[in-house]
Every structure is written in C-alpha cells, then in structure tokens.
Protein backbone atom coordinates (compact mmCIF):
# COMPACT_ATOMS: atom_id res chain seq x y z
CA MET A 1 93.48 74.93 -50.44
CA HIS A 2 95.60 71.77 -50.68
CA ARG A 3 97.46 71.99 -53.96
CA ARG A 4 97.87 68.24 -54.33
CA SER A 5 94.09 67.87 -54.60
CA PHE A 6 93.87 69.85 -57.84
CA LEU A 7 97.17 68.95 -59.39
CA LYS A 8 96.11 65.12 -59.99
CA THR A 9 71.52 89.61 -78.86
CA THR A 10 71.98 91.88 -81.47
CA ALA A 11 71.45 95.53 -82.36
CA ALA A 12 73.58 97.76 -84.57
CA ALA A 13 74.43 101.42 -84.34
CA ALA A 14 75.93 103.66 -86.97
CA ILE A 15 79.64 103.05 -87.57
CA ALA A 16 81.44 106.31 -87.11
CA ALA A 17 85.01 105.00 -86.96
CA PRO A 18 86.93 101.84 -87.91
CA PHE A 19 86.24 100.21 -84.53
CA ALA A 20 82.73 101.56 -83.87
CA ASN A 21 80.58 99.37 -81.64
CA ALA A 22 83.28 96.83 -81.02
CA ALA A 23 81.12 94.45 -79.03
CA THR A 24 77.48 93.40 -79.21
CA ALA A 25 76.67 94.65 -75.72
CA ALA A 26 78.06 98.09 -76.46
CA ALA A 27 76.26 98.24 -79.80
CA ALA A 28 72.98 97.27 -78.20
CA GLU A 29 73.23 100.35 -76.02
CA GLY A 30 74.32 102.56 -78.90
CA ALA A 31 77.75 102.93 -77.26
CA LYS A 32 81.14 102.81 -78.90
CA MET A 33 83.99 100.87 -77.34
CA LYS A 34 87.22 102.70 -78.05
CA VAL A 35 90.01 100.48 -79.38
CA GLY A 36 93.65 101.51 -79.31
CA PHE A 37 97.09 100.47 -78.12
CA ASP A 38 99.65 100.94 -75.38
CA ASN A 39 102.95 102.46 -76.51
CA PHE A 40 104.74 99.58 -74.75
CA SER A 41 103.61 97.38 -77.65
CA ILE A 42 106.19 99.07 -79.87
CA ARG A 43 108.73 100.02 -77.21
CA ALA A 44 111.69 99.02 -79.41
CA LEU A 45 110.91 101.91 -81.76
CA GLY A 46 111.67 104.41 -78.98
CA LEU A 47 109.01 106.86 -80.15
CA LYS A 48 108.07 109.88 -78.08
CA ALA A 49 104.49 110.97 -77.48
CA GLY A 50 104.11 113.21 -80.55
CA PRO A 51 105.17 110.60 -83.13
CA LEU A 52 103.15 107.96 -81.26
CA ILE A 53 100.03 110.08 -81.72
CA ASP A 54 100.81 110.34 -85.44
CA TYR A 55 101.28 106.57 -85.63
CA ALA A 56 97.97 106.01 -83.83
CA ALA A 57 96.24 108.21 -86.38
CA GLU A 58 97.89 106.27 -89.23
CA GLN A 59 96.54 103.05 -87.73
CA LYS A 60 93.08 104.64 -87.43
CA VAL A 61 92.61 103.66 -83.80
CA ASP A 62 90.45 105.51 -81.31
CA CYS A 63 92.83 105.86 -78.40
CA LEU A 64 96.40 105.65 -77.19
CA LEU A 65 97.75 104.74 -73.76
CA LEU A 66 101.03 106.48 -72.99
CA SER A 67 102.02 104.13 -70.20
CA ASP A 68 105.29 105.64 -68.95
CA LEU A 69 106.55 109.08 -68.00
CA ASP A 70 109.68 108.86 -70.15
CA VAL A 71 107.61 108.98 -73.34
CA TYR A 72 107.28 112.77 -73.01
CA GLU A 73 109.83 115.38 -74.02
CA ASN A 74 109.04 117.11 -70.72
CA HIS A 75 106.14 117.44 -68.27
CA THR A 76 105.35 121.14 -68.66
CA ASP A 77 101.72 122.19 -68.95
CA ALA A 78 102.35 123.88 -72.30
CA TYR A 79 103.91 120.77 -73.86
CA LEU A 80 101.23 118.45 -72.50
CA ASP A 81 98.49 120.78 -73.70
CA ASP A 82 100.02 120.74 -77.20
CA LEU A 83 99.87 116.94 -77.14
CA ARG A 84 96.26 117.04 -75.99
CA ARG A 85 95.30 119.40 -78.81
CA LYS A 86 97.20 117.36 -81.40
CA ALA A 87 95.43 114.17 -80.32
CA ALA A 88 92.04 115.88 -80.26
CA ASP A 89 92.56 117.18 -83.80
CA LEU A 90 93.24 113.59 -84.90
CA ASN A 91 90.31 112.16 -82.89
CA ILE A 92 92.65 110.17 -80.65
CA ALA A 93 91.67 109.87 -76.97
CA LEU A 94 94.72 109.87 -74.73
CA TYR A 95 95.19 107.78 -71.60
CA ALA A 96 98.15 108.34 -69.30
CA GLY A 97 100.11 105.99 -67.10
CA THR A 98 103.28 105.13 -65.29
CA GLY A 99 105.02 102.22 -63.55
CA GLY A 100 105.21 100.96 -59.98
CA ILE A 101 103.87 102.95 -57.02
CA CYS A 102 104.55 100.58 -54.11
CA PRO A 103 107.57 101.96 -52.22
CA THR A 104 108.54 98.54 -50.84
CA ALA A 105 108.14 96.59 -54.07
CA HIS A 106 111.29 94.84 -55.25
CA ARG A 107 111.71 96.99 -58.36
CA PHE A 108 110.37 100.33 -57.12
CA SER A 109 112.30 103.28 -58.56
CA ASP A 110 112.61 106.71 -56.95
CA LYS A 111 113.36 108.33 -60.32
CA TRP A 112 110.20 110.42 -59.97
CA GLY A 113 110.52 110.97 -56.22
CA THR A 114 108.60 109.21 -53.49
CA ALA A 115 105.71 106.94 -54.39
CA GLU A 116 103.29 109.76 -53.59
CA GLU A 117 105.25 112.31 -55.66
CA HIS A 118 105.44 109.83 -58.52
CA LEU A 119 101.71 109.21 -58.47
CA LYS A 120 100.86 112.90 -58.16
CA LEU A 121 103.04 113.66 -61.20
CA THR A 122 101.21 110.99 -63.18
CA ILE A 123 97.84 112.38 -62.11
CA ARG A 124 98.92 115.88 -63.15
CA VAL A 125 100.07 114.59 -66.54
CA ALA A 126 96.80 112.71 -66.98
CA LYS A 127 94.78 115.82 -66.16
CA ALA A 128 96.77 117.93 -68.63
CA LEU A 129 96.28 115.36 -71.41
CA GLY A 130 92.57 114.97 -70.76
CA SER A 131 93.02 111.39 -69.58
CA PRO A 132 90.34 110.23 -67.14
CA VAL A 133 92.75 107.74 -65.58
CA ALA A 134 96.28 107.44 -64.28
CA ARG A 135 97.36 103.87 -64.97
CA CYS A 136 99.94 102.39 -62.64
CA TYR A 137 100.83 99.12 -61.01
CA GLN A 138 101.96 97.75 -57.68
CA GLY A 139 104.90 95.55 -58.65
CA PHE A 140 105.95 92.19 -60.06
CA ALA A 141 105.47 88.51 -59.28
CA ASP A 142 108.68 88.37 -57.22
CA ASP A 143 107.00 90.64 -54.65
CA ARG A 144 104.87 87.66 -53.67
CA LYS A 145 108.01 86.14 -52.15
CA SER A 146 109.15 89.34 -50.40
CA PRO A 147 109.02 89.75 -46.59
CA GLY A 148 105.38 89.77 -45.57
CA GLY A 149 104.33 88.60 -49.01
CA ILE A 150 101.80 90.25 -51.26
CA LYS A 151 99.60 91.33 -48.35
CA ALA A 152 102.40 93.51 -46.99
CA ARG A 153 102.92 95.09 -50.40
CA ASN A 154 99.15 95.69 -50.69
CA LYS A 155 99.20 97.43 -47.32
CA ASP A 156 102.02 99.72 -48.44
CA THR A 157 100.28 100.48 -51.74
CA LEU A 158 97.06 101.24 -49.88
CA ALA A 159 98.86 103.81 -47.74
CA VAL A 160 100.16 105.58 -50.87
CA LEU A 161 96.71 105.60 -52.42
CA LYS A 162 95.13 107.11 -49.33
CA ASN A 163 97.83 109.77 -49.19
CA VAL A 164 96.94 111.00 -52.70
CA ARG A 165 93.16 110.48 -52.54
CA SER A 166 92.23 114.16 -52.30
CA PHE A 167 94.75 115.09 -55.01
CA ALA A 168 93.26 112.55 -57.42
CA ILE A 169 89.69 113.57 -56.66
CA ASP A 170 90.51 117.29 -56.99
CA HIS A 171 92.04 116.61 -60.42
CA GLY A 172 89.14 114.42 -61.57
CA VAL A 173 91.48 111.52 -62.38
CA LYS A 174 90.92 107.91 -61.32
CA ILE A 175 93.95 105.87 -60.34
CA ALA A 176 93.82 102.68 -62.45
CA ILE A 177 95.93 99.90 -60.92
CA GLU A 178 96.97 97.11 -63.26
CA ASN A 179 97.18 93.43 -62.44
CA HIS A 180 100.82 93.49 -63.43
CA ALA A 181 103.35 90.78 -64.28
CA GLY A 182 101.83 88.24 -61.92
CA ASP A 183 101.91 90.50 -58.84
CA MET A 184 98.26 90.06 -57.85
CA GLN A 185 95.47 87.66 -58.63
CA SER A 186 92.16 89.21 -59.56
CA TYR A 187 90.57 88.88 -56.12
CA GLU A 188 93.64 90.46 -54.48
CA LEU A 189 93.45 93.52 -56.72
CA ARG A 190 89.67 93.68 -56.29
CA ASP A 191 90.09 93.75 -52.51
CA LEU A 192 92.79 96.44 -52.73
CA ILE A 193 90.51 98.65 -54.84
CA GLU A 194 87.59 98.13 -52.48
CA GLU A 195 89.66 98.98 -49.43
CA ALA A 196 91.14 102.09 -51.04
CA GLY A 197 87.80 103.33 -52.36
CA ARG A 198 86.12 102.95 -55.74
CA ASP A 199 85.47 106.68 -55.80
CA PHE A 200 89.08 107.29 -56.88
CA VAL A 201 90.64 103.89 -57.65
CA GLY A 202 89.81 101.44 -60.42
CA CYS A 203 91.50 98.73 -62.45
CA THR A 204 93.61 98.54 -65.59
CA ILE A 205 92.78 94.97 -66.55
CA ASP A 206 95.54 93.03 -68.28
CA SER A 207 94.41 89.81 -69.94
CA GLY A 208 97.96 88.56 -70.46
CA ASN A 209 99.02 89.15 -66.89
CA ALA A 210 96.06 87.07 -65.72
CA ALA A 211 97.88 83.97 -66.96
CA TRP A 212 101.08 85.09 -65.22
CA ALA A 213 99.07 85.04 -61.98
CA LEU A 214 97.89 81.45 -62.66
CA GLU A 215 94.42 82.53 -63.79
CA ASP A 216 92.21 82.03 -66.83
CA PRO A 217 91.80 85.46 -68.49
CA MET A 218 88.02 84.99 -68.72
CA GLU A 219 87.79 84.22 -65.01
CA ASN A 220 90.01 87.22 -64.27
CA LEU A 221 87.66 89.40 -66.33
CA GLU A 222 84.63 88.27 -64.35
CA VAL A 223 86.26 89.47 -61.13
CA LEU A 224 87.92 92.68 -62.33
CA GLY A 225 85.55 93.72 -65.12
CA PRO A 226 83.24 95.75 -62.87
CA TYR A 227 86.25 97.74 -61.61
CA THR A 228 87.87 98.27 -65.01
CA VAL A 229 88.49 101.78 -66.33
CA CYS A 230 91.49 101.02 -68.58
CA SER A 231 93.09 97.93 -70.10
CA GLY A 232 96.05 96.11 -71.62
CA ILE A 233 94.83 93.35 -73.94
CA ARG A 234 96.62 90.45 -75.60
CA ASN A 235 96.17 86.67 -75.85
CA ASN A 236 98.00 83.68 -74.35
CA ILE A 237 98.94 80.12 -75.10
CA ILE A 238 99.51 77.90 -72.05
CA TRP A 239 100.95 74.40 -72.23
CA GLU A 240 102.21 71.77 -69.82
CA ASP A 241 105.89 70.91 -69.47
CA GLY A 242 107.86 68.66 -67.15
CA ASP A 243 107.89 71.10 -64.21
CA GLY A 244 104.42 72.61 -64.58
CA ALA A 245 103.48 74.84 -67.49
CA GLN A 246 104.70 77.64 -69.72
CA VAL A 247 102.88 80.78 -70.82
CA ALA A 248 103.45 82.57 -74.10
CA TRP A 249 101.81 85.91 -74.83
CA THR A 250 100.49 86.34 -78.37
CA SER A 251 98.74 88.90 -80.52
CA ILE A 252 95.06 89.21 -79.74
CA GLY A 253 93.55 86.81 -82.29
CA GLU A 254 96.15 84.04 -82.03
CA GLY A 255 95.92 82.45 -78.59
CA GLN A 256 93.62 80.22 -76.57
CA THR A 257 91.19 82.82 -75.26
CA ASP A 258 88.13 83.50 -77.43
CA MET A 259 88.75 87.22 -77.77
CA LYS A 260 85.41 87.90 -79.45
CA ALA A 261 83.72 86.51 -76.35
CA TYR A 262 86.21 88.37 -74.15
CA ALA A 263 85.48 91.70 -75.87
CA LYS A 264 81.72 91.16 -75.61
CA ARG A 265 81.94 90.44 -71.90
CA PHE A 266 84.41 93.32 -71.44
CA ALA A 267 81.84 95.72 -72.89
CA GLU A 268 79.13 94.32 -70.63
CA LEU A 269 81.18 94.54 -67.44
CA ALA A 270 83.14 97.72 -68.14
CA PRO A 271 81.02 100.00 -70.34
CA GLY A 272 82.98 103.06 -71.39
CA ALA A 273 86.40 101.55 -70.69
CA PRO A 274 88.86 101.54 -73.62
CA PHE A 275 89.96 98.25 -75.18
CA ILE A 276 93.70 98.87 -75.42
CA LEU A 277 96.05 96.41 -77.06
CA GLU A 278 99.29 95.78 -75.22
CA ILE A 279 100.91 93.17 -77.44
CA ILE A 280 104.04 91.65 -75.89
CA SER A 281 104.65 88.54 -77.97
CA GLY A 282 107.68 86.30 -78.17
CA ILE A 283 108.23 85.57 -74.46
CA ASN A 284 107.77 82.10 -72.96
CA ARG A 285 107.67 82.06 -69.16
CA PRO A 286 107.79 78.84 -67.10
CA PHE A 287 105.67 78.26 -64.00
CA THR A 288 107.23 75.38 -62.10
CA TYR A 289 104.30 74.56 -59.85
CA LEU A 290 105.24 70.87 -59.65
CA LYS A 291 108.24 71.91 -57.56
CA PRO A 292 107.45 72.53 -53.86
CA GLU A 293 109.57 75.68 -53.66
CA PHE A 294 107.43 77.39 -56.29
CA TRP A 295 104.56 77.76 -53.82
CA ASN A 296 106.34 80.19 -51.53
CA GLY A 297 104.20 83.28 -52.03
CA TYR A 298 101.42 81.41 -53.78
CA GLU A 299 99.90 79.66 -50.76
CA ASN A 300 96.58 81.49 -51.07
CA VAL A 301 95.97 81.37 -54.80
CA SER A 302 92.38 80.83 -55.88
CA ALA A 303 91.65 77.11 -56.35
CA ARG A 304 88.91 77.94 -58.85
CA GLY A 305 91.22 80.15 -60.88
CA PHE A 306 94.10 77.70 -60.83
CA ALA A 307 91.86 74.82 -61.88
CA LYS A 308 90.86 76.81 -64.98
CA PHE A 309 94.51 77.67 -65.64
CA LEU A 310 95.36 73.96 -65.50
CA ALA A 311 92.57 73.17 -67.94
CA LEU A 312 94.06 75.65 -70.42
CA ALA A 313 97.52 74.16 -69.91
CA LYS A 314 96.25 70.72 -70.84
CA GLN A 315 94.83 72.09 -74.11
CA GLY A 316 97.71 74.28 -75.27
CA LYS A 317 100.54 73.42 -77.62
CA ALA A 318 104.06 74.77 -77.24
CA ILE A 319 105.22 77.60 -79.49
CA PRO A 320 108.77 78.95 -79.86
CA SER A 321 109.87 82.23 -78.35
CA PHE A 322 111.02 85.06 -80.59
CA LYS A 323 114.73 85.02 -81.38
CA PRO A 324 115.89 88.02 -83.42
CA GLU A 325 118.39 87.40 -86.16
CA GLY A 326 120.87 89.79 -87.72
CA ASP A 327 120.42 93.37 -86.54
CA LYS A 328 118.75 92.69 -83.17
CA LYS A 329 117.30 96.19 -82.74
CA ALA A 330 115.84 96.31 -86.26
CA ALA A 331 114.46 92.79 -85.90
CA GLU A 332 112.76 93.62 -82.60
CA GLN A 333 111.29 96.80 -84.03
CA ALA A 334 109.88 95.00 -87.05
CA TYR A 335 108.55 92.14 -84.92
CA GLN A 336 106.79 94.37 -82.38
CA LYS A 337 105.28 96.57 -85.08
CA ALA A 338 104.01 93.56 -87.05
CA GLU A 339 102.52 91.93 -83.94
CA LEU A 340 100.67 95.12 -82.99
CA GLU A 341 99.45 95.93 -86.48
CA ARG A 342 98.20 92.37 -86.96
CA GLY A 343 96.25 92.80 -83.73
CA ILE A 344 94.77 96.11 -84.89
CA VAL A 345 93.66 94.48 -88.14
CA TRP A 346 92.10 91.61 -86.18
CA CYS A 347 90.12 94.08 -84.09
CA ARG A 348 88.99 95.96 -87.18
CA GLU A 349 87.77 92.73 -88.80
CA ASN A 350 86.28 91.04 -85.75
CA LEU A 351 85.13 93.60 -83.20
CA ARG A 352 82.17 95.13 -84.94
C-alpha cells in the first residue's frame, strides 16, 4: 500500500434485568447480552475486588471484568471462592484478566514471573472465580517500532500461548487477547488467534483501541467479532490536525460511532460475549501520519481500515482533554465515576 495514494428485525423477550436483551439480534434469539464494566474505568478509586462487586451491584449491571491481578487481596483459592460466591449472590458474572503476556514487549513486567507463569496464574484465578476467559494483551503501540516489529512480538506471544495451551484447556478457560493500545490491527490479532488455535484463544475486543490502531471501530468489529469472547467498550471522536489526526476516547453514547448499531452487530457476531464498558475519557492522542517518520512500524496497515479512519477524522470536531482542578485525586475519581455511570445509564436507556 502506498500511503500517498490514500492521504490526498424485531422480536422481544422477557426483561429479567436492567440490561436484558441489549441488542435486537440477541433478543430475536431469546438471548440476553450481559452488560457490565471493567474496573479500569474507575481505577482512580483504588477499589479492591470485594468493594467493586458491591459497586457493580449498586449500578445494577450484569457483569464485572476484574482486569488486573492487583485488584485482589490475595490469590488463594479460599479468597477467590468467597469472591465468586459473593458475586453469584448478587447476580454478577465475573470475568478475570491481567496485563501483558509478551516477554519481549517494551513494557512487559516480570512481577508475576515469566510470561507463562503470569498467564497460568491468571487462568487459575479465572477458573476460581468462574470466569470463562482470561483477558490479557500483547503490548502497546510502541512495540510496532521494536526490533523485528509487530510480527516478531506476535511470534513471541504465540510461543507463550502454545506453552500454556494444555493448562488453559484443562482449566476450561479461554485466553482472550485484547487489541490493546494500538499494538495490533484487527487482522493482525485475528491471524494470531488463528495460528494459536481458536480452541483455547479468543479476542477481547476493544472499540476504543481500534482507533488507536488507525481503524474504524465498526470495521474492527467486523474482523474481530467472530473471535470475541470478552470486550472493552467505549466511543471515540477523531479529528484532523496539522500533523495528521487526534483521537479522544469518550463515554459510550457521546462519540462518532453509532453504538446502538455497534451493539446490535456485536450481538450478531459474538453471541454470548459480555458487553463490558471500559470508559477511559479525557485523553487526546495525536497520530502524526503526515510525518514520514510516523510510518516506521506501520508499513503494513490495512488500506481499507485506514481509509475509514481518515473519513472519521474529516467528520470529527476537536474536544478538550480532561484537566483536573484542585484536589487532583478527588477530581479524577469524580470524573471517572461520572463518565462510567453516564455510560451505564446510556446502556440502560438505549440497549433494550
């Protein structure tokens, strides 16, 4: 691809919970799409797993993704089983996750041991909590510029996945790799999942991170939807600037993507997968694709996907980033909580 060439029906089922039958496709089959949130949405509050479950019940959501291993008081079977029982009593389905599992990724941490030990711990936690998935990710956008590029990082991630295949299958937990922080485009993650094996690996689709990988979230969904077993959902606003474009993440009902249409298609492509809000508003990130040096690591991006990203950029209007005033910690806590709760209300009012 030469970059200069593109730079110039209805059925209803009984409503048993606030978010019952969140999309038409799911309703038509009598299914119920679970709606919930990722604890990262309110990270500034510093809540542990127990209080997060209570908060999820207060918000009357169906599920909760505990997306890091530090959210627990410990990782003992007894403690995790208590959390599982507490959530079950409150009708909250738990999903478990962690961070990066590629040992050669720029920001890989050995806090939890080797990549294989880290992933096995996450799988064990998921099994104890009753989570069908272990969400994780490969890395960040800067890995695209690392030695060997994203293909080398994919190869290293693939080796880790194959090393824990039998462990995951024995525990009945599917490894759910997220398209994370611009690390992989949809087709790159699709190919990684296919090569590893769909019997034990699936996708945690992140609609916001699609834009960070120079993709239209709807196009990203078409590619990754059939592989999706978990999610991180928010909206975007993309606008042009002098060096390319900027991307701002927003709460679900406030960006450019038609999230009603997104949720409907999500339910069609990924029946049974939870619709989990991961609201990370207030950040504006520039993508300086008009500068030649930007393209190091992005030589093989999808022309189709980038063309749709450009179309969104031409339509979007700039919004300011969040700048806390006064007590920074308190301001961030209030902002994150308000952004998430506004998204939950939007889902309650629109995803029926």
